[in-house]
Protein backbone atom coordinates (compact mmCIF):
# COMPACT_ATOMS: atom_id res chain seq x y z
CA MET A 1 -21.70 -64.63 -43.80
CA LYS A 2 -24.31 -65.58 -45.97
CA PHE A 3 -24.92 -63.99 -49.28
CA LEU A 4 -27.94 -64.17 -51.79
CA VAL A 5 -26.98 -63.69 -55.40
CA LEU A 6 -29.81 -62.91 -58.02
CA GLY A 7 -29.15 -64.35 -61.64
CA ALA A 8 -27.09 -67.43 -62.30
CA GLY A 9 -25.96 -66.41 -65.53
CA LEU A 10 -22.28 -65.80 -66.64
CA GLN A 11 -21.48 -62.99 -63.80
CA GLY A 12 -23.71 -64.62 -61.32
CA SER A 13 -22.61 -68.08 -61.13
CA ALA A 14 -18.78 -66.26 -61.27
CA ALA A 15 -19.75 -64.45 -58.25
CA ALA A 16 -21.31 -67.27 -56.61
CA TRP A 17 -17.97 -69.16 -56.87
CA ALA A 18 -16.29 -66.49 -55.60
CA LEU A 19 -17.95 -65.95 -52.86
CA LEU A 20 -17.62 -69.73 -51.93
CA GLN A 21 -14.04 -69.38 -51.84
CA HIS A 22 -13.88 -67.85 -48.82
CA ASP A 23 -13.59 -69.50 -45.46
CA GLY A 24 -15.88 -67.10 -43.42
CA VAL A 25 -19.04 -67.63 -46.08
CA GLU A 26 -21.73 -70.09 -44.44
CA ARG A 27 -23.81 -70.08 -47.36
CA VAL A 28 -24.51 -68.75 -50.37
CA THR A 29 -28.15 -68.62 -51.84
CA LEU A 30 -28.30 -68.68 -56.22
CA ALA A 31 -31.54 -67.34 -57.12
CA ASP A 32 -32.88 -67.49 -60.93
CA ARG A 33 -35.87 -68.61 -62.65
CA GLU A 34 -34.50 -71.95 -63.43
CA VAL A 35 -32.72 -74.33 -61.14
CA GLY A 36 -31.43 -77.91 -61.10
CA THR A 37 -28.38 -76.43 -63.71
CA LEU A 38 -25.56 -75.06 -62.45
CA ALA A 39 -22.52 -73.49 -64.14
CA PRO A 40 -19.84 -76.47 -64.91
CA PHE A 41 -17.27 -75.22 -62.46
CA LEU A 42 -19.93 -74.35 -59.98
CA GLU A 43 -21.01 -78.27 -60.50
CA ALA A 44 -17.93 -79.11 -60.36
CA SER A 45 -16.93 -77.49 -56.60
CA SER A 46 -19.71 -79.61 -55.10
CA ASP A 47 -20.04 -77.06 -52.33
CA ARG A 48 -22.87 -77.71 -49.85
CA ARG A 49 -22.90 -74.05 -48.80
CA LEU A 50 -24.35 -73.84 -52.08
CA HIS A 51 -28.22 -73.80 -52.92
CA GLN A 52 -30.26 -72.93 -55.23
CA VAL A 53 -34.17 -71.24 -55.32
CA ALA A 54 -36.60 -70.39 -58.33
CA LEU A 55 -36.85 -66.50 -58.01
CA ASP A 56 -39.01 -64.45 -60.63
CA ALA A 57 -37.70 -61.36 -59.78
CA ARG A 58 -40.11 -59.43 -61.29
CA ASP A 59 -42.38 -60.86 -58.60
CA LEU A 60 -41.35 -57.81 -56.06
CA SER A 61 -43.24 -60.11 -53.11
CA GLN A 62 -41.43 -63.13 -53.56
CA LEU A 63 -38.04 -61.32 -53.78
CA ALA A 64 -38.45 -59.19 -50.94
CA ALA A 65 -39.42 -63.19 -48.92
CA LEU A 66 -36.01 -64.13 -49.68
CA MET A 67 -33.73 -61.31 -48.42
CA PRO A 68 -34.22 -61.46 -44.81
CA GLY A 69 -31.39 -63.26 -43.08
CA HIS A 70 -28.86 -62.58 -45.56
CA ASP A 71 -25.85 -60.47 -44.77
CA GLY A 72 -25.50 -59.47 -48.63
CA VAL A 73 -27.31 -59.71 -51.66
CA LEU A 74 -25.47 -59.74 -55.03
CA CYS A 75 -27.76 -58.48 -58.12
CA ALA A 76 -26.17 -60.15 -61.34
CA LEU A 77 -29.65 -59.33 -62.78
CA PRO A 78 -30.38 -57.56 -66.74
CA TYR A 79 -29.87 -53.86 -64.74
CA TYR A 80 -33.75 -52.66 -65.13
CA PHE A 81 -34.06 -54.62 -61.94
CA ASN A 82 -31.53 -52.91 -59.67
CA GLN A 83 -33.70 -50.29 -58.92
CA SER A 84 -36.30 -52.77 -56.89
CA VAL A 85 -33.67 -54.97 -55.85
CA THR A 86 -32.40 -52.32 -53.88
CA GLU A 87 -35.67 -50.99 -52.30
CA ALA A 88 -35.99 -54.55 -51.21
CA ALA A 89 -32.58 -54.89 -49.43
CA ILE A 90 -33.13 -51.41 -47.33
CA ALA A 91 -36.50 -52.71 -46.35
CA ALA A 92 -35.20 -56.29 -45.63
CA GLY A 93 -32.06 -54.53 -43.75
CA CYS A 94 -29.52 -56.00 -46.46
CA HIS A 95 -26.73 -54.55 -47.82
CA ALA A 96 -26.87 -54.88 -51.69
CA CYS A 97 -24.43 -54.12 -54.37
CA ASP A 98 -25.30 -54.62 -58.07
CA LEU A 99 -23.48 -54.76 -61.64
CA GLY A 100 -25.11 -51.42 -62.71
CA GLY A 101 -25.07 -50.75 -66.75
CA ASN A 102 -27.43 -47.99 -66.82
CA THR A 103 -26.87 -44.47 -65.35
CA GLU A 104 -29.93 -42.89 -65.17
CA ILE A 105 -31.03 -46.35 -62.86
CA VAL A 106 -28.19 -45.13 -60.48
CA VAL A 107 -29.70 -41.61 -60.01
CA GLN A 108 -32.68 -43.09 -58.93
CA GLN A 109 -30.95 -45.40 -56.75
CA GLU A 110 -29.24 -42.84 -54.90
CA GLU A 111 -32.24 -41.21 -53.96
CA HIS A 112 -32.73 -43.98 -51.77
CA ASP A 113 -29.46 -42.85 -49.96
CA GLY A 114 -30.98 -41.32 -46.87
CA GLU A 115 -33.46 -44.23 -46.04
CA ALA A 116 -30.72 -46.84 -46.41
CA ALA A 117 -28.32 -44.29 -44.09
CA ARG A 118 -31.17 -44.58 -41.56
CA ARG A 119 -31.43 -48.44 -41.72
CA GLY A 120 -27.48 -48.67 -41.37
CA VAL A 121 -27.50 -50.70 -44.79
CA SER A 122 -24.81 -50.32 -47.39
CA ILE A 123 -25.82 -49.73 -51.31
CA ILE A 124 -23.36 -49.81 -54.36
CA PRO A 125 -24.51 -49.71 -57.34
CA ASP A 126 -22.02 -50.18 -60.28
CA CYS A 127 -19.84 -52.81 -58.97
CA GLY A 128 -18.68 -54.80 -62.20
CA LEU A 129 -15.81 -54.19 -64.57
CA ALA A 130 -16.72 -51.13 -66.03
CA PRO A 131 -18.33 -49.31 -64.68
CA GLY A 132 -16.82 -50.61 -61.51
CA MET A 133 -13.12 -51.63 -61.20
CA VAL A 134 -12.38 -48.92 -63.53
CA ASN A 135 -14.20 -46.02 -61.44
CA ILE A 136 -11.96 -47.32 -57.73
CA LEU A 137 -8.85 -46.67 -60.38
CA ALA A 138 -9.98 -43.74 -61.54
CA ALA A 139 -10.50 -42.50 -58.00
CA GLU A 140 -7.43 -44.13 -56.61
CA GLY A 141 -5.04 -42.26 -59.41
CA ILE A 142 -6.92 -38.22 -58.64
CA ARG A 143 -6.29 -39.16 -54.55
CA ARG A 144 -2.44 -39.94 -55.36
CA LEU A 145 -2.17 -36.70 -57.00
CA ASP A 146 -1.99 -32.77 -55.64
CA ARG A 147 -4.18 -31.67 -58.85
CA ALA A 148 -5.35 -34.23 -61.44
CA ARG A 149 -6.43 -32.77 -64.89
CA SER A 150 -7.41 -35.79 -67.25
CA VAL A 151 -8.55 -39.15 -66.62
CA LYS A 152 -8.59 -41.38 -69.36
CA ILE A 153 -10.68 -44.95 -69.20
CA TYR A 154 -9.64 -48.05 -71.45
CA VAL A 155 -11.61 -51.44 -71.04
CA GLY A 156 -12.09 -54.40 -73.73
CA GLY A 157 -13.30 -57.57 -73.54
CA LEU A 158 -11.80 -59.33 -76.44
CA PRO A 159 -11.38 -62.94 -77.97
CA GLN A 160 -7.94 -64.19 -77.45
CA HIS A 161 -8.55 -65.47 -81.48
CA PRO A 162 -10.33 -63.00 -83.35
CA GLU A 163 -11.98 -64.13 -86.27
CA PRO A 164 -13.58 -61.97 -89.18
CA PRO A 165 -16.27 -59.75 -89.84
CA LEU A 166 -16.09 -58.01 -86.50
CA ASN A 167 -12.77 -60.28 -84.47
CA TYR A 168 -15.05 -60.31 -81.60
CA GLN A 169 -17.18 -62.54 -79.70
CA ILE A 170 -19.84 -62.46 -76.77
CA VAL A 171 -18.50 -62.27 -73.04
CA TYR A 172 -21.31 -61.12 -71.75
CA SER A 173 -24.49 -59.41 -73.22
CA LEU A 174 -24.75 -58.58 -76.89
CA GLU A 175 -27.92 -56.37 -76.24
CA GLY A 176 -26.17 -54.91 -74.13
CA ALA A 177 -23.01 -54.27 -76.24
CA LEU A 178 -25.37 -52.44 -78.58
CA ASP A 179 -26.61 -50.65 -75.92
CA TYR A 180 -23.08 -49.01 -75.82
CA TYR A 181 -22.79 -48.51 -79.12
CA SER A 182 -26.13 -46.33 -79.64
CA THR A 183 -25.59 -44.90 -76.35
CA PRO A 184 -24.19 -41.31 -75.96
CA SER A 185 -21.02 -41.47 -73.59
CA TRP A 186 -21.22 -38.37 -70.69
CA ILE A 187 -17.22 -37.16 -70.54
CA LEU A 188 -15.84 -34.09 -69.15
CA ARG A 189 -14.30 -31.53 -71.83
CA GLU A 190 -12.61 -28.47 -70.38
CA GLY A 191 -14.26 -29.20 -66.52
CA LYS A 192 -17.43 -29.70 -68.00
CA ALA A 193 -19.80 -33.02 -68.55
CA VAL A 194 -21.31 -33.14 -72.24
CA ARG A 195 -22.19 -35.84 -74.03
CA VAL A 196 -20.03 -37.52 -77.43
CA GLU A 197 -21.55 -39.92 -79.80
CA ALA A 198 -20.76 -43.48 -78.93
CA LEU A 199 -18.63 -45.14 -81.60
CA SER A 200 -16.72 -41.62 -82.30
CA GLU A 201 -13.20 -40.33 -81.40
CA VAL A 202 -11.23 -43.49 -82.84
CA GLU A 203 -7.36 -44.00 -81.54
CA SER A 204 -5.10 -46.51 -81.82
CA LEU A 205 -3.31 -48.16 -78.78
CA GLU A 206 -0.23 -50.58 -78.18
CA PHE A 207 -0.25 -53.37 -75.68
CA PRO A 208 2.00 -56.26 -75.03
CA ALA A 209 2.48 -59.22 -77.36
CA PRO A 210 0.05 -60.89 -78.13
CA ILE A 211 -2.62 -58.32 -77.77
CA GLY A 212 -0.85 -55.57 -79.99
CA THR A 213 -2.57 -52.42 -81.41
CA LEU A 214 -6.26 -51.96 -80.62
CA GLU A 215 -8.69 -49.43 -81.07
CA ALA A 216 -10.62 -47.28 -78.79
CA PHE A 217 -13.64 -45.63 -79.19
CA HIS A 218 -16.30 -43.90 -77.02
CA THR A 219 -19.41 -46.08 -75.80
CA GLY A 220 -22.05 -45.33 -72.84
CA GLY A 221 -22.22 -46.55 -69.51
CA GLY A 222 -18.95 -47.50 -68.76
CA ILE A 223 -18.08 -45.00 -65.78
CA SER A 224 -21.84 -44.47 -65.02
CA THR A 225 -22.07 -41.24 -62.74
CA LEU A 226 -18.20 -40.66 -62.44
CA PRO A 227 -17.97 -37.94 -64.27
CA PHE A 228 -20.55 -36.25 -62.82
CA GLY A 229 -18.64 -36.71 -58.82
CA PHE A 230 -15.81 -34.73 -60.38
CA GLU A 231 -17.39 -31.83 -62.87
CA GLY A 232 -15.17 -28.73 -62.05
CA ARG A 233 -12.68 -30.54 -60.58
CA ILE A 234 -10.82 -32.66 -63.47
CA ASP A 235 -10.36 -30.91 -67.10
CA THR A 236 -10.86 -34.09 -68.85
CA MET A 237 -12.43 -37.84 -67.99
CA GLU A 238 -13.60 -40.10 -71.01
CA TYR A 239 -13.88 -43.65 -71.24
CA LYS A 240 -13.70 -45.99 -74.32
CA THR A 241 -14.26 -49.66 -74.84
CA LEU A 242 -10.84 -50.86 -76.83
CA ARG A 243 -11.40 -53.44 -79.70
CA TYR A 244 -9.56 -55.17 -82.44
CA PRO A 245 -8.63 -52.10 -85.39
CA GLY A 246 -11.65 -51.92 -87.62
CA HIS A 247 -14.65 -52.94 -85.23
CA ALA A 248 -15.84 -49.27 -85.61
CA ALA A 249 -15.68 -48.86 -89.07
CA ILE A 250 -18.08 -51.98 -89.40
CA MET A 251 -20.72 -51.20 -86.09
CA ARG A 252 -21.18 -47.19 -87.02
CA PRO A 253 -22.99 -48.16 -90.54
CA ILE A 254 -24.67 -50.88 -88.84
CA ARG A 255 -26.02 -48.52 -86.26
CA ASP A 256 -26.39 -45.64 -88.46
CA LEU A 257 -28.52 -47.63 -90.82
CA GLY A 258 -31.19 -48.48 -88.05
CA LEU A 259 -30.25 -52.21 -87.44
CA ILE A 260 -30.00 -51.86 -83.95
CA SER A 261 -32.91 -49.68 -83.24
CA ASN A 262 -35.08 -50.49 -80.89
CA LEU A 263 -38.15 -47.98 -82.63
CA PRO A 264 -40.48 -50.93 -84.19
CA VAL A 265 -41.19 -50.98 -87.85
CA ARG A 266 -43.95 -52.50 -89.51
CA LEU A 267 -42.82 -55.78 -91.53
CA ASN A 268 -45.37 -58.38 -93.94
CA GLY A 269 -48.12 -56.40 -91.49
CA LYS A 270 -46.24 -57.39 -88.18
CA GLN A 271 -44.30 -54.90 -85.89
CA VAL A 272 -40.96 -55.86 -85.66
CA VAL A 273 -38.09 -54.40 -83.57
CA PRO A 274 -35.13 -54.00 -85.48
CA ARG A 275 -32.38 -54.98 -82.20
CA ASP A 276 -34.57 -58.12 -81.54
CA LEU A 277 -33.99 -59.34 -85.15
CA PHE A 278 -30.04 -58.76 -85.55
CA ILE A 279 -29.38 -60.15 -82.26
CA ALA A 280 -31.66 -63.45 -83.65
CA VAL A 281 -29.66 -63.36 -86.97
CA VAL A 282 -25.80 -62.19 -85.08
CA GLU A 283 -25.87 -63.72 -81.66
CA PRO A 284 -25.28 -67.28 -82.86
CA LYS A 285 -22.38 -66.30 -85.06
CA LEU A 286 -20.92 -64.21 -81.91
CA LEU A 287 -21.61 -67.18 -79.55
CA LYS A 288 -18.20 -69.05 -79.59
CA PRO A 289 -18.45 -71.25 -76.63
CA GLY A 290 -15.00 -72.82 -75.62
CA SER A 291 -13.15 -70.08 -77.43
CA PRO A 292 -10.78 -68.32 -74.75
CA ASP A 293 -11.15 -64.44 -74.17
CA VAL A 294 -9.39 -61.88 -72.31
CA VAL A 295 -9.48 -58.69 -70.70
CA VAL A 296 -7.29 -55.53 -71.20
CA LEU A 297 -7.49 -52.66 -69.10
CA ARG A 298 -6.06 -49.26 -68.64
CA VAL A 299 -6.65 -46.32 -67.02
CA VAL A 300 -4.27 -43.47 -67.01
CA VAL A 301 -4.78 -40.37 -64.55
CA THR A 302 -2.43 -37.31 -64.95
CA GLY A 303 -1.70 -34.22 -63.64
CA MET A 304 0.36 -32.24 -60.98
CA ARG A 305 2.25 -33.47 -57.77
CA GLY A 306 4.69 -31.64 -55.99
CA GLY A 307 4.60 -29.05 -58.52
CA LYS A 308 6.25 -31.32 -61.13
CA GLU A 309 3.74 -32.96 -63.90
CA ALA A 310 2.50 -36.56 -62.64
CA GLY A 311 1.24 -39.61 -63.24
CA VAL A 312 -0.16 -42.91 -62.39
CA HIS A 313 -1.34 -45.67 -64.69
CA PHE A 314 -3.43 -48.67 -64.05
CA ASN A 315 -2.91 -51.82 -66.18
CA LEU A 316 -4.90 -54.93 -66.58
CA ILE A 317 -4.54 -57.90 -68.49
CA ASP A 318 -6.54 -61.01 -67.34
CA TYR A 319 -6.90 -64.30 -69.36
CA SER A 320 -9.41 -66.41 -69.07
CA ASP A 321 -9.36 -69.47 -66.35
CA GLU A 322 -9.78 -72.30 -69.26
CA THR A 323 -8.93 -75.25 -66.09
CA ARG A 324 -12.27 -73.94 -64.44
CA GLY A 325 -14.28 -72.87 -67.23
CA LEU A 326 -14.02 -69.03 -66.22
CA THR A 327 -14.24 -66.45 -69.27
CA ALA A 328 -11.90 -63.24 -68.57
CA MET A 329 -14.89 -61.17 -68.26
CA MET A 330 -16.10 -63.57 -65.29
CA ARG A 331 -13.27 -62.83 -63.46
CA THR A 332 -13.11 -59.53 -64.12
CA THR A 333 -17.03 -58.53 -63.38
CA GLY A 334 -18.18 -61.66 -61.06
CA PHE A 335 -15.50 -61.21 -59.16
CA SER A 336 -15.40 -57.75 -58.57
CA LEU A 337 -19.26 -57.87 -57.26
CA ALA A 338 -18.56 -60.77 -54.84
CA LEU A 339 -15.68 -59.03 -53.77
CA THR A 340 -17.38 -55.79 -52.90
CA ALA A 341 -19.86 -58.00 -51.23
CA LEU A 342 -17.84 -59.57 -48.89
CA MET A 343 -16.42 -55.78 -47.92
CA GLN A 344 -19.97 -54.87 -47.26
CA ALA A 345 -20.85 -57.44 -45.12
CA ASN A 346 -17.10 -57.75 -43.09
CA GLY A 347 -17.12 -54.13 -42.43
CA THR A 348 -13.89 -53.50 -44.79
CA ILE A 349 -16.38 -50.39 -46.18
CA SER A 350 -17.80 -49.24 -44.00
CA ALA A 351 -20.13 -46.42 -45.68
CA VAL A 352 -23.97 -46.49 -45.53
CA GLY A 353 -26.69 -45.62 -47.92
CA VAL A 354 -26.04 -45.49 -51.21
CA ARG A 355 -22.62 -44.89 -52.67
CA THR A 356 -21.13 -45.64 -55.69
CA PRO A 357 -17.91 -47.71 -55.81
CA ASP A 358 -15.15 -45.19 -56.44
CA GLN A 359 -17.04 -43.21 -53.40
CA ALA A 360 -17.16 -46.35 -51.10
CA VAL A 361 -14.94 -49.12 -51.77
CA PRO A 362 -10.94 -48.69 -50.45
CA PHE A 363 -8.92 -49.38 -52.68
CA GLN A 364 -5.97 -51.47 -51.45
CA PRO A 365 -8.47 -54.24 -49.87
CA TYR A 366 -10.18 -54.03 -53.38
CA VAL A 367 -7.15 -54.76 -55.05
CA GLU A 368 -5.45 -56.97 -52.96
CA GLY A 369 -8.63 -59.14 -52.79
CA LEU A 370 -8.69 -59.37 -56.86
CA ALA A 371 -5.39 -60.45 -56.56
CA LYS A 372 -5.98 -63.54 -54.12
CA PHE A 373 -8.89 -64.53 -57.00
CA GLY A 374 -5.36 -64.63 -59.51
CA VAL A 375 -6.55 -60.73 -60.78
CA ARG A 376 -3.73 -58.74 -60.88
CA ILE A 377 -3.81 -54.72 -61.07
CA GLY A 378 -0.45 -53.24 -62.07
CA VAL A 379 0.35 -49.84 -60.67
CA ALA A 380 2.93 -47.63 -62.01
CA GLU A 381 3.47 -43.83 -60.32
CA VAL A 382 5.26 -41.43 -63.35
């Protein structure tokens, strides 16, 4: 199998590393604007199957020219490239998957379903952690019940050693996190899709030591199109982000004061975007190289089975691989993307067209594949 990974950032590099752990992979091409420097864990592997190539993804002709000859394309670029990558992959006859993160773009990708199916191509958006892994788990929980009534999903990427004032460090993209904090979240209430404000409806949850008490609040984009797929069939469905207690109380006024807005303001005769300034000031304080992280996940599906109240619970606590330099967020997000691409290429995922992970990715091979990478999901039926 030959794969093309677009984007040599944290998640793209992690996905490339995961692909290289598979004996059936003949070649991995890692494409980025800048070449010559690899993530330390890729550099240390010295794997001759890994090749770098320069790519400006804004150049659609250059993007299209790279795809032929690959069994799968993995997009770890910012979400606004996903539509053009989808179109190029279908034209080239390549399977493709991406990290998603923007529900409106996923809807646009789904418009190419017929064309992808005619070409025998599988396109799967939203293949990271959330959206991605959580969608697959939620769908499996629903399948295991005769009648699912409630799906509650909680996910957080956290520092193992939190420091005030935010008790948070950047584990993927600060810009992405700010999008989630400012975008309303789609949920199901009484079976209907409605939007609720981000950073709202804070609740406390308990996790095993040393995690302890965390707070959960609504954020946008975490489950993408999942509520629309189950509208009218599930009474309650919601996604909440996990943080250490007090985080939402700090971020809410920052947002409400307009400090993370994308609307330009005039300052000293110049147009300034508040979010750009916020990121420039705050990001250096939240970038903590070498500080280990942890990913915490809980998916709770409840309803009826055999005429009795029943539920299916999924749990994951994954720690960074400090020996290799792979963060927990890279392991859970980048590895999920790589595993999806492998299953597309080897035929484990048989559906063609544009399908979301809950529709296309088989649960058992996915969970078993993650376990081979040391990412272990606990499942309990109650």
